[in-house]
Amino acid sequence: MLLIPCPWCGDRDETEFHYGGQAHVAYPQSPDALSDAQWAEYLFVRDNPKGEFAERWCHNAGCRRWFNLVRDTATHQIVVQR
């Protein structure tokens, strides 16, 4: 089990959370100018590194707030909370 540190509720079991994907994905500046292929890339293509990765999490079973943290994808160790 992964112990996730919620900034508002403290350390909780991973079953209380919902994974929100990669953090810091910028919305396109000119969305009307994007082709279908560019929209598909924006919506579905994300980094998949081995190592530290910034992620979004929502504490569904607690405060229901979203937050970012950095987790090592190889060890599942939470490195930094942002």
N, C-alpha and C. Protein backbone atom coordinates (compact mmCIF):
# COMPACT_ATOMS: atom_id res chain seq x y z
N MET A 1 0.83 -1.19 0.00
CA MET A 1 0.00 0.00 0.00
C MET A 1 0.88 1.25 0.00
N LEU A 2 0.38 2.24 -0.69
CA LEU A 2 1.05 3.52 -0.76
C LEU A 2 0.42 4.46 0.26
N LEU A 3 1.24 5.11 1.05
CA LEU A 3 0.78 6.08 2.03
C LEU A 3 0.97 7.46 1.41
N ILE A 4 -0.13 8.16 1.15
CA ILE A 4 -0.08 9.45 0.46
C ILE A 4 -0.31 10.56 1.48
N PRO A 5 0.58 11.58 1.49
CA PRO A 5 0.42 12.69 2.42
C PRO A 5 -0.52 13.76 1.86
N CYS A 6 -1.75 13.80 2.34
CA CYS A 6 -2.67 14.86 1.96
C CYS A 6 -2.24 16.13 2.69
N PRO A 7 -2.11 17.26 1.99
CA PRO A 7 -1.67 18.50 2.65
C PRO A 7 -2.64 18.98 3.73
N TRP A 8 -3.90 18.58 3.67
CA TRP A 8 -4.89 19.05 4.62
C TRP A 8 -5.26 18.00 5.66
N CYS A 9 -5.20 16.71 5.31
CA CYS A 9 -5.66 15.65 6.21
C CYS A 9 -4.52 14.80 6.79
N GLY A 10 -3.31 14.96 6.27
CA GLY A 10 -2.19 14.15 6.73
C GLY A 10 -2.05 12.86 5.93
N ASP A 11 -1.22 11.96 6.40
CA ASP A 11 -0.95 10.71 5.70
C ASP A 11 -2.18 9.81 5.71
N ARG A 12 -2.53 9.30 4.51
CA ARG A 12 -3.68 8.43 4.37
C ARG A 12 -3.35 7.31 3.39
N ASP A 13 -4.13 6.23 3.45
CA ASP A 13 -3.96 5.10 2.57
C ASP A 13 -4.35 5.47 1.13
N GLU A 14 -3.69 4.88 0.16
CA GLU A 14 -3.93 5.22 -1.25
C GLU A 14 -5.37 4.94 -1.69
N THR A 15 -6.08 4.06 -1.01
CA THR A 15 -7.46 3.75 -1.40
C THR A 15 -8.41 4.93 -1.21
N GLU A 16 -7.98 5.95 -0.46
CA GLU A 16 -8.79 7.14 -0.24
C GLU A 16 -8.65 8.16 -1.36
N PHE A 17 -7.75 7.91 -2.31
CA PHE A 17 -7.40 8.91 -3.31
C PHE A 17 -7.77 8.48 -4.72
N HIS A 18 -7.87 9.48 -5.60
CA HIS A 18 -8.06 9.26 -7.03
C HIS A 18 -6.87 9.87 -7.75
N TYR A 19 -6.24 9.09 -8.64
CA TYR A 19 -5.10 9.55 -9.40
C TYR A 19 -5.58 10.44 -10.53
N GLY A 20 -4.96 11.59 -10.68
CA GLY A 20 -5.40 12.56 -11.69
C GLY A 20 -4.45 12.73 -12.86
N GLY A 21 -3.41 11.92 -12.91
CA GLY A 21 -2.49 12.01 -14.05
C GLY A 21 -1.33 12.96 -13.84
N GLN A 22 -0.70 13.29 -14.93
CA GLN A 22 0.48 14.15 -14.91
C GLN A 22 0.11 15.57 -14.49
N ALA A 23 0.91 16.15 -13.62
CA ALA A 23 0.70 17.52 -13.17
C ALA A 23 1.35 18.50 -14.14
N HIS A 24 0.88 19.72 -14.10
CA HIS A 24 1.47 20.84 -14.84
C HIS A 24 1.36 20.68 -16.36
N VAL A 25 0.24 20.13 -16.84
CA VAL A 25 -0.01 20.05 -18.29
C VAL A 25 -0.72 21.34 -18.68
N ALA A 26 -0.07 22.13 -19.50
CA ALA A 26 -0.60 23.45 -19.87
C ALA A 26 -1.71 23.32 -20.92
N TYR A 27 -2.79 24.07 -20.71
CA TYR A 27 -3.88 24.13 -21.69
C TYR A 27 -3.38 24.86 -22.93
N PRO A 28 -3.74 24.43 -24.12
CA PRO A 28 -3.26 25.08 -25.35
C PRO A 28 -3.66 26.55 -25.40
N GLN A 29 -2.75 27.40 -25.87
CA GLN A 29 -3.03 28.84 -25.94
C GLN A 29 -4.07 29.18 -26.99
N SER A 30 -4.07 28.47 -28.10
CA SER A 30 -5.05 28.70 -29.17
C SER A 30 -5.78 27.38 -29.47
N PRO A 31 -6.71 26.97 -28.63
CA PRO A 31 -7.35 25.68 -28.82
C PRO A 31 -8.12 25.56 -30.14
N ASP A 32 -8.65 26.67 -30.65
CA ASP A 32 -9.39 26.63 -31.91
C ASP A 32 -8.49 26.34 -33.10
N ALA A 33 -7.20 26.59 -32.95
CA ALA A 33 -6.26 26.40 -34.06
C ALA A 33 -5.69 24.98 -34.12
N LEU A 34 -6.02 24.14 -33.13
CA LEU A 34 -5.45 22.79 -33.10
C LEU A 34 -6.18 21.84 -34.04
N SER A 35 -5.41 20.98 -34.65
CA SER A 35 -6.00 19.92 -35.48
C SER A 35 -6.51 18.81 -34.56
N ASP A 36 -7.23 17.87 -35.13
CA ASP A 36 -7.72 16.74 -34.34
C ASP A 36 -6.56 15.94 -33.75
N ALA A 37 -5.50 15.78 -34.52
CA ALA A 37 -4.33 15.04 -34.03
C ALA A 37 -3.66 15.78 -32.87
N GLN A 38 -3.58 17.10 -32.96
CA GLN A 38 -2.99 17.89 -31.87
C GLN A 38 -3.87 17.83 -30.62
N TRP A 39 -5.20 17.86 -30.78
CA TRP A 39 -6.10 17.73 -29.64
C TRP A 39 -5.93 16.36 -28.99
N ALA A 40 -5.84 15.32 -29.81
CA ALA A 40 -5.65 13.97 -29.28
C ALA A 40 -4.36 13.89 -28.49
N GLU A 41 -3.31 14.50 -29.00
CA GLU A 41 -2.03 14.49 -28.27
C GLU A 41 -2.16 15.23 -26.94
N TYR A 42 -2.82 16.39 -26.94
CA TYR A 42 -3.01 17.15 -25.71
C TYR A 42 -3.81 16.33 -24.68
N LEU A 43 -4.86 15.67 -25.13
CA LEU A 43 -5.75 14.96 -24.21
C LEU A 43 -5.19 13.63 -23.70
N PHE A 44 -4.47 12.91 -24.55
CA PHE A 44 -4.14 11.53 -24.21
C PHE A 44 -2.66 11.21 -24.05
N VAL A 45 -1.77 11.99 -24.62
CA VAL A 45 -0.34 11.65 -24.58
C VAL A 45 0.30 12.33 -23.37
N ARG A 46 0.88 11.51 -22.52
CA ARG A 46 1.54 12.02 -21.31
C ARG A 46 2.91 11.36 -21.18
N ASP A 47 3.77 12.02 -20.40
CA ASP A 47 5.09 11.45 -20.13
C ASP A 47 4.91 10.16 -19.31
N ASN A 48 5.86 9.26 -19.44
CA ASN A 48 5.84 8.01 -18.69
C ASN A 48 7.27 7.66 -18.27
N PRO A 49 7.86 8.51 -17.42
CA PRO A 49 9.27 8.30 -17.07
C PRO A 49 9.46 7.23 -16.00
N LYS A 50 10.64 6.71 -15.96
CA LYS A 50 11.05 5.87 -14.84
C LYS A 50 11.84 6.78 -13.93
N GLY A 51 11.29 7.06 -12.77
CA GLY A 51 11.94 8.00 -11.85
C GLY A 51 10.93 9.02 -11.35
N GLU A 52 11.41 10.19 -10.98
CA GLU A 52 10.56 11.21 -10.39
C GLU A 52 9.57 11.77 -11.41
N PHE A 53 8.31 11.92 -10.96
CA PHE A 53 7.23 12.33 -11.85
C PHE A 53 6.22 13.15 -11.05
N ALA A 54 5.87 14.34 -11.54
CA ALA A 54 4.88 15.20 -10.89
C ALA A 54 3.48 14.71 -11.23
N GLU A 55 2.66 14.48 -10.20
CA GLU A 55 1.33 13.90 -10.38
C GLU A 55 0.26 14.73 -9.67
N ARG A 56 -0.99 14.58 -10.12
CA ARG A 56 -2.15 15.18 -9.47
C ARG A 56 -2.90 14.08 -8.72
N TRP A 57 -3.36 14.39 -7.52
CA TRP A 57 -4.14 13.46 -6.73
C TRP A 57 -5.31 14.20 -6.09
N CYS A 58 -6.43 13.49 -5.93
CA CYS A 58 -7.60 14.04 -5.24
C CYS A 58 -7.92 13.15 -4.05
N HIS A 59 -8.11 13.75 -2.90
CA HIS A 59 -8.44 12.99 -1.68
C HIS A 59 -9.96 12.79 -1.63
N ASN A 60 -10.45 11.84 -2.40
CA ASN A 60 -11.89 11.60 -2.54
C ASN A 60 -12.58 11.21 -1.24
N ALA A 61 -11.94 10.41 -0.43
CA ALA A 61 -12.57 9.92 0.80
C ALA A 61 -12.31 10.84 1.99
N GLY A 62 -11.71 11.99 1.73
CA GLY A 62 -11.39 12.92 2.81
C GLY A 62 -11.88 14.32 2.47
N CYS A 63 -10.95 15.22 2.30
CA CYS A 63 -11.28 16.63 2.09
C CYS A 63 -11.74 16.94 0.66
N ARG A 64 -11.58 15.99 -0.27
CA ARG A 64 -11.99 16.12 -1.66
C ARG A 64 -11.22 17.22 -2.41
N ARG A 65 -10.03 17.55 -1.96
CA ARG A 65 -9.22 18.57 -2.61
C ARG A 65 -8.16 17.93 -3.49
N TRP A 66 -7.80 18.66 -4.56
CA TRP A 66 -6.72 18.24 -5.47
C TRP A 66 -5.41 18.82 -5.00
N PHE A 67 -4.31 18.08 -5.22
CA PHE A 67 -2.98 18.57 -4.91
C PHE A 67 -1.96 17.86 -5.79
N ASN A 68 -0.78 18.43 -5.86
CA ASN A 68 0.32 17.86 -6.65
C ASN A 68 1.36 17.26 -5.71
N LEU A 69 2.00 16.21 -6.18
CA LEU A 69 3.16 15.67 -5.48
C LEU A 69 4.10 15.04 -6.50
N VAL A 70 5.34 14.81 -6.09
CA VAL A 70 6.33 14.16 -6.95
C VAL A 70 6.58 12.78 -6.37
N ARG A 71 6.38 11.76 -7.23
CA ARG A 71 6.54 10.37 -6.81
C ARG A 71 7.54 9.69 -7.74
N ASP A 72 8.38 8.84 -7.17
CA ASP A 72 9.30 8.04 -7.97
C ASP A 72 8.51 6.85 -8.50
N THR A 73 8.39 6.76 -9.83
CA THR A 73 7.57 5.71 -10.43
C THR A 73 8.20 4.32 -10.33
N ALA A 74 9.47 4.25 -10.06
CA ALA A 74 10.13 2.95 -9.92
C ALA A 74 9.98 2.38 -8.51
N THR A 75 10.04 3.25 -7.50
CA THR A 75 9.99 2.81 -6.11
C THR A 75 8.67 3.15 -5.42
N HIS A 76 7.87 4.01 -6.03
CA HIS A 76 6.62 4.54 -5.48
C HIS A 76 6.85 5.43 -4.26
N GLN A 77 8.09 5.80 -4.00
CA GLN A 77 8.39 6.69 -2.88
C GLN A 77 7.97 8.12 -3.25
N ILE A 78 7.28 8.77 -2.33
CA ILE A 78 6.88 10.16 -2.55
C ILE A 78 8.05 11.04 -2.17
N VAL A 79 8.53 11.80 -3.15
CA VAL A 79 9.76 12.57 -3.00
C VAL A 79 9.47 13.95 -2.43
N VAL A 80 8.54 14.67 -3.05
CA VAL A 80 8.24 16.06 -2.65
C VAL A 80 6.76 16.29 -2.85
N GLN A 81 6.19 17.07 -1.96
CA GLN A 81 4.80 17.46 -2.11
C GLN A 81 4.75 18.91 -2.53
N ARG A 82 3.98 19.21 -3.57
CA ARG A 82 3.89 20.60 -4.06
C ARG A 82 2.47 21.09 -4.02
